[in-house]
Amino acid sequence: QTLGWCDIGYNALVDKYGQIFEGAYGGLERAVRGAHTGGFNTYTFG
């Protein structure tokens, strides 16, 4: 909403307790381009 990216930028997040959270919508199994590494989002998993 604030940055206008349409979704969360990371593909996944991991907290200090080891919990893994699914990030960007579209499926962790698939190649989803996020907004986590400007210039290098294509072909990367953040």
All heavy atoms as atom14 arrays in JSON, in Angstrom:
{
  "sequence": "QTLGWCDIGYNALVDKYGQIFEGAYGGLERAVRGAHTGGFNTYTFG",
  "atom14_mask": [
    [1, 1, 1, 1, 1, 1, 1, 1, 1, 0, 0, 0, 0, 0],
    [1, 1, 1, 1, 1, 1, 1, 0, 0, 0, 0, 0, 0, 0],
    [1, 1, 1, 1, 1, 1, 1, 1, 0, 0, 0, 0, 0, 0],
    [1, 1, 1, 1, 0, 0, 0, 0, 0, 0, 0, 0, 0, 0],
    [1, 1, 1, 1, 1, 1, 1, 1, 1, 1, 1, 1, 1, 1],
    [1, 1, 1, 1, 1, 1, 0, 0, 0, 0, 0, 0, 0, 0],
    [1, 1, 1, 1, 1, 1, 1, 1, 0, 0, 0, 0, 0, 0],
    [1, 1, 1, 1, 1, 1, 1, 1, 0, 0, 0, 0, 0, 0],
    [1, 1, 1, 1, 0, 0, 0, 0, 0, 0, 0, 0, 0, 0],
    [1, 1, 1, 1, 1, 1, 1, 1, 1, 1, 1, 1, 0, 0],
    [1, 1, 1, 1, 1, 1, 1, 1, 0, 0, 0, 0, 0, 0],
    [1, 1, 1, 1, 1, 0, 0, 0, 0, 0, 0, 0, 0, 0],
    [1, 1, 1, 1, 1, 1, 1, 1, 0, 0, 0, 0, 0, 0],
    [1, 1, 1, 1, 1, 1, 1, 0, 0, 0, 0, 0, 0, 0],
    [1, 1, 1, 1, 1, 1, 1, 1, 0, 0, 0, 0, 0, 0],
    [1, 1, 1, 1, 1, 1, 1, 1, 1, 0, 0, 0, 0, 0],
    [1, 1, 1, 1, 1, 1, 1, 1, 1, 1, 1, 1, 0, 0],
    [1, 1, 1, 1, 0, 0, 0, 0, 0, 0, 0, 0, 0, 0],
    [1, 1, 1, 1, 1, 1, 1, 1, 1, 0, 0, 0, 0, 0],
    [1, 1, 1, 1, 1, 1, 1, 1, 0, 0, 0, 0, 0, 0],
    [1, 1, 1, 1, 1, 1, 1, 1, 1, 1, 1, 0, 0, 0],
    [1, 1, 1, 1, 1, 1, 1, 1, 1, 0, 0, 0, 0, 0],
    [1, 1, 1, 1, 0, 0, 0, 0, 0, 0, 0, 0, 0, 0],
    [1, 1, 1, 1, 1, 0, 0, 0, 0, 0, 0, 0, 0, 0],
    [1, 1, 1, 1, 1, 1, 1, 1, 1, 1, 1, 1, 0, 0],
    [1, 1, 1, 1, 0, 0, 0, 0, 0, 0, 0, 0, 0, 0],
    [1, 1, 1, 1, 0, 0, 0, 0, 0, 0, 0, 0, 0, 0],
    [1, 1, 1, 1, 1, 1, 1, 1, 0, 0, 0, 0, 0, 0],
    [1, 1, 1, 1, 1, 1, 1, 1, 1, 0, 0, 0, 0, 0],
    [1, 1, 1, 1, 1, 1, 1, 1, 1, 1, 1, 0, 0, 0],
    [1, 1, 1, 1, 1, 0, 0, 0, 0, 0, 0, 0, 0, 0],
    [1, 1, 1, 1, 1, 1, 1, 0, 0, 0, 0, 0, 0, 0],
    [1, 1, 1, 1, 1, 1, 1, 1, 1, 1, 1, 0, 0, 0],
    [1, 1, 1, 1, 0, 0, 0, 0, 0, 0, 0, 0, 0, 0],
    [1, 1, 1, 1, 1, 0, 0, 0, 0, 0, 0, 0, 0, 0],
    [1, 1, 1, 1, 1, 1, 1, 1, 1, 1, 0, 0, 0, 0],
    [1, 1, 1, 1, 1, 1, 1, 0, 0, 0, 0, 0, 0, 0],
    [1, 1, 1, 1, 0, 0, 0, 0, 0, 0, 0, 0, 0, 0],
    [1, 1, 1, 1, 0, 0, 0, 0, 0, 0, 0, 0, 0, 0],
    [1, 1, 1, 1, 1, 1, 1, 1, 1, 1, 1, 0, 0, 0],
    [1, 1, 1, 1, 1, 1, 1, 1, 0, 0, 0, 0, 0, 0],
    [1, 1, 1, 1, 1, 1, 1, 0, 0, 0, 0, 0, 0, 0],
    [1, 1, 1, 1, 1, 1, 1, 1, 1, 1, 1, 1, 0, 0],
    [1, 1, 1, 1, 1, 1, 1, 0, 0, 0, 0, 0, 0, 0],
    [1, 1, 1, 1, 1, 1, 1, 1, 1, 1, 1, 0, 0, 0],
    [1, 1, 1, 1, 0, 0, 0, 0, 0, 0, 0, 0, 0, 0]
  ],
  "atom14_positions": [
    [[0.81, -1.22, 0.0], [0.0, 0.0, 0.0], [0.84, 1.27, 0.0], [0.66, 2.15, -0.85], [-0.94, -0.02, 1.21], [-1.96, -1.16, 1.16], [-2.84, -1.19, 2.39], [-2.4, -1.53, 3.49], [-4.09, -0.82, 2.22], [0.0, 0.0, 0.0], [0.0, 0.0, 0.0], [0.0, 0.0, 0.0], [0.0, 0.0, 0.0], [0.0, 0.0, 0.0]],
    [[1.79, 1.39, 0.93], [2.57, 2.62, 1.02], [3.52, 2.76, -0.17], [3.62, 3.84, -0.77], [3.37, 2.64, 2.33], [2.46, 2.56, 3.44], [4.18, 3.92, 2.45], [0.0, 0.0, 0.0], [0.0, 0.0, 0.0], [0.0, 0.0, 0.0], [0.0, 0.0, 0.0], [0.0, 0.0, 0.0], [0.0, 0.0, 0.0], [0.0, 0.0, 0.0]],
    [[4.24, 1.68, -0.49], [5.22, 1.75, -1.58], [4.6, 1.46, -2.94], [5.25, 1.68, -3.97], [6.38, 0.79, -1.31], [7.16, 1.04, -0.01], [8.31, 0.04, 0.11], [7.7, 2.46, 0.05], [0.0, 0.0, 0.0], [0.0, 0.0, 0.0], [0.0, 0.0, 0.0], [0.0, 0.0, 0.0], [0.0, 0.0, 0.0], [0.0, 0.0, 0.0]],
    [[3.4, 0.93, -2.96], [2.72, 0.66, -4.22], [3.26, -0.53, -4.98], [3.15, -0.57, -6.21], [0.0, 0.0, 0.0], [0.0, 0.0, 0.0], [0.0, 0.0, 0.0], [0.0, 0.0, 0.0], [0.0, 0.0, 0.0], [0.0, 0.0, 0.0], [0.0, 0.0, 0.0], [0.0, 0.0, 0.0], [0.0, 0.0, 0.0], [0.0, 0.0, 0.0]],
    [[3.81, -1.51, -4.28], [4.38, -2.68, -4.94], [3.36, -3.78, -5.2], [3.7, -4.83, -5.74], [5.52, -3.26, -4.11], [6.73, -2.37, -4.04], [6.95, -1.21, -4.74], [7.89, -2.57, -3.23], [8.18, -0.68, -4.41], [8.78, -1.49, -3.48], [8.27, -3.55, -2.32], [10.02, -1.38, -2.86], [9.5, -3.43, -1.7], [10.37, -2.36, -1.96]],
    [[2.14, -3.6, -4.78], [1.05, -4.56, -4.99], [1.12, -5.78, -4.07], [0.11, -6.44, -3.85], [1.0, -5.06, -6.43], [0.58, -3.77, -7.62], [0.0, 0.0, 0.0], [0.0, 0.0, 0.0], [0.0, 0.0, 0.0], [0.0, 0.0, 0.0], [0.0, 0.0, 0.0], [0.0, 0.0, 0.0], [0.0, 0.0, 0.0], [0.0, 0.0, 0.0]],
    [[2.26, -6.08, -3.51], [2.41, -7.27, -2.67], [3.65, -7.08, -1.81], [4.38, -6.1, -1.95], [2.54, -8.52, -3.55], [2.24, -9.82, -2.82], [2.07, -9.79, -1.58], [2.19, -10.87, -3.47], [0.0, 0.0, 0.0], [0.0, 0.0, 0.0], [0.0, 0.0, 0.0], [0.0, 0.0, 0.0], [0.0, 0.0, 0.0], [0.0, 0.0, 0.0]],
    [[3.92, -8.03, -0.94], [5.15, -8.03, -0.17], [6.31, -8.33, -1.11], [6.18, -9.13, -2.04], [5.07, -9.03, 1.0], [6.19, -8.8, 2.01], [5.03, -10.46, 0.5], [6.0, -9.56, 3.32], [0.0, 0.0, 0.0], [0.0, 0.0, 0.0], [0.0, 0.0, 0.0], [0.0, 0.0, 0.0], [0.0, 0.0, 0.0], [0.0, 0.0, 0.0]],
    [[7.45, -7.68, -0.9], [8.55, -7.8, -1.84], [9.33, -9.09, -1.74], [9.91, -9.54, -2.73], [0.0, 0.0, 0.0], [0.0, 0.0, 0.0], [0.0, 0.0, 0.0], [0.0, 0.0, 0.0], [0.0, 0.0, 0.0], [0.0, 0.0, 0.0], [0.0, 0.0, 0.0], [0.0, 0.0, 0.0], [0.0, 0.0, 0.0], [0.0, 0.0, 0.0]],
    [[9.41, -9.71, -0.54], [10.19, -10.91, -0.34], [9.42, -12.15, -0.79], [8.2, -12.22, -0.64], [10.56, -11.08, 1.13], [11.26, -9.89, 1.75], [10.65, -9.15, 2.77], [12.52, -9.5, 1.32], [11.29, -8.06, 3.34], [13.17, -8.41, 1.89], [12.55, -7.69, 2.9], [13.17, -6.61, 3.47], [0.0, 0.0, 0.0], [0.0, 0.0, 0.0]],
    [[10.14, -13.16, -1.27], [9.5, -14.44, -1.56], [9.22, -15.23, -0.29], [8.26, -16.02, -0.24], [10.36, -15.28, -2.5], [10.51, -14.65, -3.86], [11.57, -14.11, -4.19], [9.46, -14.68, -4.67], [0.0, 0.0, 0.0], [0.0, 0.0, 0.0], [0.0, 0.0, 0.0], [0.0, 0.0, 0.0], [0.0, 0.0, 0.0], [0.0, 0.0, 0.0]],
    [[10.05, -15.04, 0.74], [9.84, -15.73, 2.01], [10.55, -14.93, 3.11], [11.48, -14.17, 2.84], [10.38, -17.15, 1.96], [0.0, 0.0, 0.0], [0.0, 0.0, 0.0], [0.0, 0.0, 0.0], [0.0, 0.0, 0.0], [0.0, 0.0, 0.0], [0.0, 0.0, 0.0], [0.0, 0.0, 0.0], [0.0, 0.0, 0.0], [0.0, 0.0, 0.0]],
    [[10.07, -15.11, 4.34], [10.67, -14.47, 5.51], [10.86, -15.53, 6.59], [10.05, -16.47, 6.7], [9.79, -13.34, 6.05], [9.43, -12.21, 5.08], [8.09, -12.52, 4.39], [9.34, -10.88, 5.78], [0.0, 0.0, 0.0], [0.0, 0.0, 0.0], [0.0, 0.0, 0.0], [0.0, 0.0, 0.0], [0.0, 0.0, 0.0], [0.0, 0.0, 0.0]],
    [[11.92, -15.38, 7.39], [12.22, -16.34, 8.46], [12.48, -15.56, 9.74], [13.35, -14.68, 9.77], [13.44, -17.21, 8.12], [13.71, -18.2, 9.24], [13.23, -17.94, 6.79], [0.0, 0.0, 0.0], [0.0, 0.0, 0.0], [0.0, 0.0, 0.0], [0.0, 0.0, 0.0], [0.0, 0.0, 0.0], [0.0, 0.0, 0.0], [0.0, 0.0, 0.0]],
    [[11.72, -15.86, 10.8], [11.92, -15.12, 12.05], [13.04, -15.73, 12.88], [13.62, -16.77, 12.52], [10.61, -14.99, 12.83], [10.13, -16.29, 13.48], [10.88, -17.3, 13.46], [9.01, -16.31, 14.01], [0.0, 0.0, 0.0], [0.0, 0.0, 0.0], [0.0, 0.0, 0.0], [0.0, 0.0, 0.0], [0.0, 0.0, 0.0], [0.0, 0.0, 0.0]],
    [[13.37, -15.09, 13.99], [14.51, -15.53, 14.8], [14.23, -16.85, 15.5], [15.16, -17.49, 16.02], [14.89, -14.46, 15.82], [13.84, -14.18, 16.89], [14.31, -13.08, 17.83], [13.29, -12.82, 18.93], [13.73, -11.73, 19.85], [0.0, 0.0, 0.0], [0.0, 0.0, 0.0], [0.0, 0.0, 0.0], [0.0, 0.0, 0.0], [0.0, 0.0, 0.0]],
    [[12.99, -17.29, 15.51], [12.62, -18.57, 16.12], [12.67, -19.7, 15.1], [12.41, -20.86, 15.45], [11.22, -18.47, 16.72], [11.1, -17.35, 17.73], [10.55, -16.12, 17.37], [11.57, -17.5, 19.03], [10.46, -15.08, 18.28], [11.49, -16.46, 19.95], [10.94, -15.25, 19.56], [10.86, -14.22, 20.47], [0.0, 0.0, 0.0], [0.0, 0.0, 0.0]],
    [[12.95, -19.38, 13.84], [13.02, -20.4, 12.79], [11.73, -20.62, 12.04], [11.65, -21.52, 11.21], [0.0, 0.0, 0.0], [0.0, 0.0, 0.0], [0.0, 0.0, 0.0], [0.0, 0.0, 0.0], [0.0, 0.0, 0.0], [0.0, 0.0, 0.0], [0.0, 0.0, 0.0], [0.0, 0.0, 0.0], [0.0, 0.0, 0.0], [0.0, 0.0, 0.0]],
    [[10.7, -19.81, 12.32], [9.45, -19.94, 11.59], [9.61, -19.36, 10.18], [10.13, -18.25, 10.0], [8.32, -19.2, 12.3], [7.97, -19.75, 13.67], [6.77, -19.02, 14.27], [5.72, -19.59, 14.49], [6.94, -17.74, 14.55], [0.0, 0.0, 0.0], [0.0, 0.0, 0.0], [0.0, 0.0, 0.0], [0.0, 0.0, 0.0], [0.0, 0.0, 0.0]],
    [[9.14, -20.1, 9.18], [9.21, -19.67, 7.78], [7.84, -19.17, 7.35], [6.84, -19.86, 7.53], [9.66, -20.81, 6.86], [11.02, -21.35, 7.29], [9.7, -20.35, 5.41], [11.44, -22.61, 6.55], [0.0, 0.0, 0.0], [0.0, 0.0, 0.0], [0.0, 0.0, 0.0], [0.0, 0.0, 0.0], [0.0, 0.0, 0.0], [0.0, 0.0, 0.0]],
    [[7.8, -17.98, 6.74], [6.55, -17.38, 6.28], [6.58, -17.25, 4.75], [7.56, -16.74, 4.19], [6.35, -15.99, 6.89], [6.17, -16.0, 8.38], [7.27, -16.02, 9.23], [4.9, -16.01, 8.94], [7.11, -16.03, 10.61], [4.73, -16.03, 10.32], [5.83, -16.04, 11.16], [0.0, 0.0, 0.0], [0.0, 0.0, 0.0], [0.0, 0.0, 0.0]],
    [[5.53, -17.71, 4.1], [5.4, -17.51, 2.66], [5.27, -16.03, 2.37], [4.52, -15.32, 3.02], [4.16, -18.24, 2.14], [3.92, -18.06, 0.65], [2.64, -18.72, 0.17], [1.86, -19.22, 1.03], [2.41, -18.74, -1.05], [0.0, 0.0, 0.0], [0.0, 0.0, 0.0], [0.0, 0.0, 0.0], [0.0, 0.0, 0.0], [0.0, 0.0, 0.0]],
    [[6.02, -15.53, 1.4], [5.97, -14.12, 1.05], [5.08, -13.85, -0.15], [3.88, -14.05, -0.09], [0.0, 0.0, 0.0], [0.0, 0.0, 0.0], [0.0, 0.0, 0.0], [0.0, 0.0, 0.0], [0.0, 0.0, 0.0], [0.0, 0.0, 0.0], [0.0, 0.0, 0.0], [0.0, 0.0, 0.0], [0.0, 0.0, 0.0], [0.0, 0.0, 0.0]],
    [[5.68, -13.4, -1.24], [4.92, -12.98, -2.42], [3.96, -14.05, -2.9], [4.3, -15.24, -2.93], [5.88, -12.58, -3.54], [0.0, 0.0, 0.0], [0.0, 0.0, 0.0], [0.0, 0.0, 0.0], [0.0, 0.0, 0.0], [0.0, 0.0, 0.0], [0.0, 0.0, 0.0], [0.0, 0.0, 0.0], [0.0, 0.0, 0.0], [0.0, 0.0, 0.0]],
    [[2.79, -13.62, -3.28], [1.73, -14.5, -3.76], [2.15, -15.18, -5.07], [2.81, -14.57, -5.9], [0.47, -13.68, -4.0], [-0.79, -14.47, -4.32], [-1.61, -14.94, -3.31], [-1.13, -14.73, -5.64], [-2.77, -15.64, -3.61], [-2.28, -15.44, -5.95], [-3.09, -15.89, -4.93], [-4.23, -16.61, -5.23], [0.0, 0.0, 0.0], [0.0, 0.0, 0.0]],
    [[1.76, -16.42, -5.25], [2.01, -17.08, -6.52], [2.6, -18.47, -6.38], [2.64, -19.22, -7.35], [0.0, 0.0, 0.0], [0.0, 0.0, 0.0], [0.0, 0.0, 0.0], [0.0, 0.0, 0.0], [0.0, 0.0, 0.0], [0.0, 0.0, 0.0], [0.0, 0.0, 0.0], [0.0, 0.0, 0.0], [0.0, 0.0, 0.0], [0.0, 0.0, 0.0]],
    [[3.06, -18.84, -5.17], [3.54, -20.2, -4.95], [5.04, -20.28, -4.79], [5.79, -19.89, -5.68], [0.0, 0.0, 0.0], [0.0, 0.0, 0.0], [0.0, 0.0, 0.0], [0.0, 0.0, 0.0], [0.0, 0.0, 0.0], [0.0, 0.0, 0.0], [0.0, 0.0, 0.0], [0.0, 0.0, 0.0], [0.0, 0.0, 0.0], [0.0, 0.0, 0.0]],
    [[5.5, -20.78, -3.66], [6.93, -20.94, -3.42], [7.55, -21.94, -4.39], [8.75, -21.9, -4.65], [7.18, -21.4, -1.98], [6.89, -20.37, -0.88], [7.02, -21.01, 0.49], [7.82, -19.17, -1.0], [0.0, 0.0, 0.0], [0.0, 0.0, 0.0], [0.0, 0.0, 0.0], [0.0, 0.0, 0.0], [0.0, 0.0, 0.0], [0.0, 0.0, 0.0]],
    [[6.74, -22.86, -4.93], [7.25, -23.86, -5.86], [7.6, -23.27, -7.21], [8.34, -23.88, -7.98], [6.22, -24.98, -6.06], [5.93, -25.82, -4.83], [4.87, -25.21, -3.92], [4.43, -24.06, -4.21], [4.47, -25.87, -2.95], [0.0, 0.0, 0.0], [0.0, 0.0, 0.0], [0.0, 0.0, 0.0], [0.0, 0.0, 0.0], [0.0, 0.0, 0.0]],
    [[7.08, -22.08, -7.5], [7.21, -21.51, -8.83], [8.13, -20.29, -8.84], [8.57, -19.82, -7.8], [5.82, -21.14, -9.36], [4.9, -22.34, -9.48], [3.56, -21.98, -10.06], [3.71, -21.36, -11.37], [2.71, -20.77, -12.01], [1.51, -20.72, -11.47], [2.91, -20.24, -13.2], [0.0, 0.0, 0.0], [0.0, 0.0, 0.0], [0.0, 0.0, 0.0]],
    [[8.44, -19.82, -10.04], [9.37, -18.7, -10.22], [8.58, -17.4, -10.2], [8.07, -16.95, -11.23], [10.14, -18.85, -11.52], [0.0, 0.0, 0.0], [0.0, 0.0, 0.0], [0.0, 0.0, 0.0], [0.0, 0.0, 0.0], [0.0, 0.0, 0.0], [0.0, 0.0, 0.0], [0.0, 0.0, 0.0], [0.0, 0.0, 0.0], [0.0, 0.0, 0.0]],
    [[8.48, -16.79, -9.01], [7.73, -15.54, -8.83], [8.74, -14.41, -8.64], [9.6, -14.48, -7.76], [6.81, -15.62, -7.6], [6.08, -14.3, -7.39], [5.81, -16.76, -7.76], [0.0, 0.0, 0.0], [0.0, 0.0, 0.0], [0.0, 0.0, 0.0], [0.0, 0.0, 0.0], [0.0, 0.0, 0.0], [0.0, 0.0, 0.0], [0.0, 0.0, 0.0]],
    [[8.65, -13.38, -9.46], [9.54, -12.23, -9.31], [9.03, -11.32, -8.21], [7.9, -10.84, -8.25], [9.66, -11.45, -10.62], [10.52, -10.2, -10.48], [11.04, -9.65, -11.8], [10.05, -9.65, -12.85], [10.35, -9.56, -14.15], [11.6, -9.48, -14.53], [9.4, -9.56, -15.06], [0.0, 0.0, 0.0], [0.0, 0.0, 0.0], [0.0, 0.0, 0.0]],
    [[9.87, -11.05, -7.21], [9.5, -10.17, -6.13], [10.04, -8.77, -6.35], [10.3, -8.34, -7.48], [0.0, 0.0, 0.0], [0.0, 0.0, 0.0], [0.0, 0.0, 0.0], [0.0, 0.0, 0.0], [0.0, 0.0, 0.0], [0.0, 0.0, 0.0], [0.0, 0.0, 0.0], [0.0, 0.0, 0.0], [0.0, 0.0, 0.0], [0.0, 0.0, 0.0]],
    [[10.2, -8.03, -5.24], [10.76, -6.66, -5.29], [11.75, -6.51, -4.15], [11.69, -5.56, -3.38], [9.64, -5.64, -5.19], [0.0, 0.0, 0.0], [0.0, 0.0, 0.0], [0.0, 0.0, 0.0], [0.0, 0.0, 0.0], [0.0, 0.0, 0.0], [0.0, 0.0, 0.0], [0.0, 0.0, 0.0], [0.0, 0.0, 0.0], [0.0, 0.0, 0.0]],
    [[12.66, -7.46, -4.04], [13.57, -7.51, -2.89], [14.99, -7.08, -3.22], [15.73, -6.66, -2.33], [13.6, -8.94, -2.32], [13.79, -10.01, -3.35], [15.02, -10.36, -3.83], [12.89, -10.78, -4.01], [14.88, -11.32, -4.73], [13.59, -11.59, -4.87], [0.0, 0.0, 0.0], [0.0, 0.0, 0.0], [0.0, 0.0, 0.0], [0.0, 0.0, 0.0]],
    [[15.41, -7.16, -4.49], [16.8, -6.89, -4.86], [16.78, -6.09, -6.15], [16.9, -6.65, -7.24], [17.59, -8.2, -5.04], [17.4, -9.02, -3.88], [19.07, -7.95, -5.2], [0.0, 0.0, 0.0], [0.0, 0.0, 0.0], [0.0, 0.0, 0.0], [0.0, 0.0, 0.0], [0.0, 0.0, 0.0], [0.0, 0.0, 0.0], [0.0, 0.0, 0.0]],
    [[16.59, -4.78, -6.06], [16.4, -3.94, -7.24], [17.45, -4.18, -8.31], [18.65, -4.11, -8.04], [0.0, 0.0, 0.0], [0.0, 0.0, 0.0], [0.0, 0.0, 0.0], [0.0, 0.0, 0.0], [0.0, 0.0, 0.0], [0.0, 0.0, 0.0], [0.0, 0.0, 0.0], [0.0, 0.0, 0.0], [0.0, 0.0, 0.0], [0.0, 0.0, 0.0]],
    [[17.0, -4.43, -9.53], [17.89, -4.75, -10.63], [18.16, -6.22, -10.79], [18.6, -6.67, -11.85], [0.0, 0.0, 0.0], [0.0, 0.0, 0.0], [0.0, 0.0, 0.0], [0.0, 0.0, 0.0], [0.0, 0.0, 0.0], [0.0, 0.0, 0.0], [0.0, 0.0, 0.0], [0.0, 0.0, 0.0], [0.0, 0.0, 0.0], [0.0, 0.0, 0.0]],
    [[17.91, -7.01, -9.74], [18.23, -8.43, -9.76], [17.08, -9.28, -9.2], [17.3, -10.36, -8.67], [19.52, -8.7, -8.97], [20.73, -8.05, -9.59], [21.06, -6.73, -9.3], [21.51, -8.73, -10.5], [22.15, -6.11, -9.88], [22.61, -8.13, -11.1], [22.93, -6.81, -10.8], [0.0, 0.0, 0.0], [0.0, 0.0, 0.0], [0.0, 0.0, 0.0]],
    [[15.86, -8.8, -9.34], [14.71, -9.57, -8.9], [14.41, -10.73, -9.86], [13.91, -11.77, -9.45], [13.48, -8.67, -8.8], [13.59, -7.66, -7.69], [13.83, -8.01, -6.54], [13.46, -6.39, -8.01], [0.0, 0.0, 0.0], [0.0, 0.0, 0.0], [0.0, 0.0, 0.0], [0.0, 0.0, 0.0], [0.0, 0.0, 0.0], [0.0, 0.0, 0.0]],
    [[14.68, -10.52, -11.16], [14.44, -11.56, -12.15], [15.4, -12.72, -11.9], [16.61, -12.51, -11.74], [14.63, -11.01, -13.57], [13.76, -9.89, -13.75], [14.3, -12.07, -14.62], [0.0, 0.0, 0.0], [0.0, 0.0, 0.0], [0.0, 0.0, 0.0], [0.0, 0.0, 0.0], [0.0, 0.0, 0.0], [0.0, 0.0, 0.0], [0.0, 0.0, 0.0]],
    [[14.87, -13.92, -11.85], [15.64, -15.16, -11.68], [16.17, -15.37, -10.27], [17.0, -16.25, -10.05], [16.8, -15.25, -12.67], [16.4, -15.08, -14.11], [17.11, -14.22, -14.96], [15.32, -15.78, -14.64], [16.74, -14.05, -16.29], [14.94, -15.62, -15.97], [15.65, -14.75, -16.79], [15.29, -14.59, -18.1], [0.0, 0.0, 0.0], [0.0, 0.0, 0.0]],
    [[15.74, -14.56, -9.29], [16.21, -14.76, -7.92], [15.06, -15.0, -6.96], [13.94, -14.56, -7.18], [17.05, -13.57, -7.42], [16.24, -12.39, -7.41], [18.28, -13.35, -8.28], [0.0, 0.0, 0.0], [0.0, 0.0, 0.0], [0.0, 0.0, 0.0], [0.0, 0.0, 0.0], [0.0, 0.0, 0.0], [0.0, 0.0, 0.0], [0.0, 0.0, 0.0]],
    [[15.37, -15.68, -5.87], [14.44, -16.03, -4.81], [14.92, -15.32, -3.56], [16.01, -15.58, -3.06], [14.45, -17.56, -4.63], [13.52, -18.08, -3.57], [12.15, -18.14, -3.79], [14.02, -18.56, -2.37], [11.3, -18.66, -2.82], [13.18, -19.08, -1.4], [11.8, -19.12, -1.64], [0.0, 0.0, 0.0], [0.0, 0.0, 0.0], [0.0, 0.0, 0.0]],
    [[14.13, -14.36, -3.05], [14.54, -13.53, -1.94], [14.04, -14.03, -0.6], [12.83, -14.12, -0.39], [0.0, 0.0, 0.0], [0.0, 0.0, 0.0], [0.0, 0.0, 0.0], [0.0, 0.0, 0.0], [0.0, 0.0, 0.0], [0.0, 0.0, 0.0], [0.0, 0.0, 0.0], [0.0, 0.0, 0.0], [0.0, 0.0, 0.0], [0.0, 0.0, 0.0]]
  ]
}
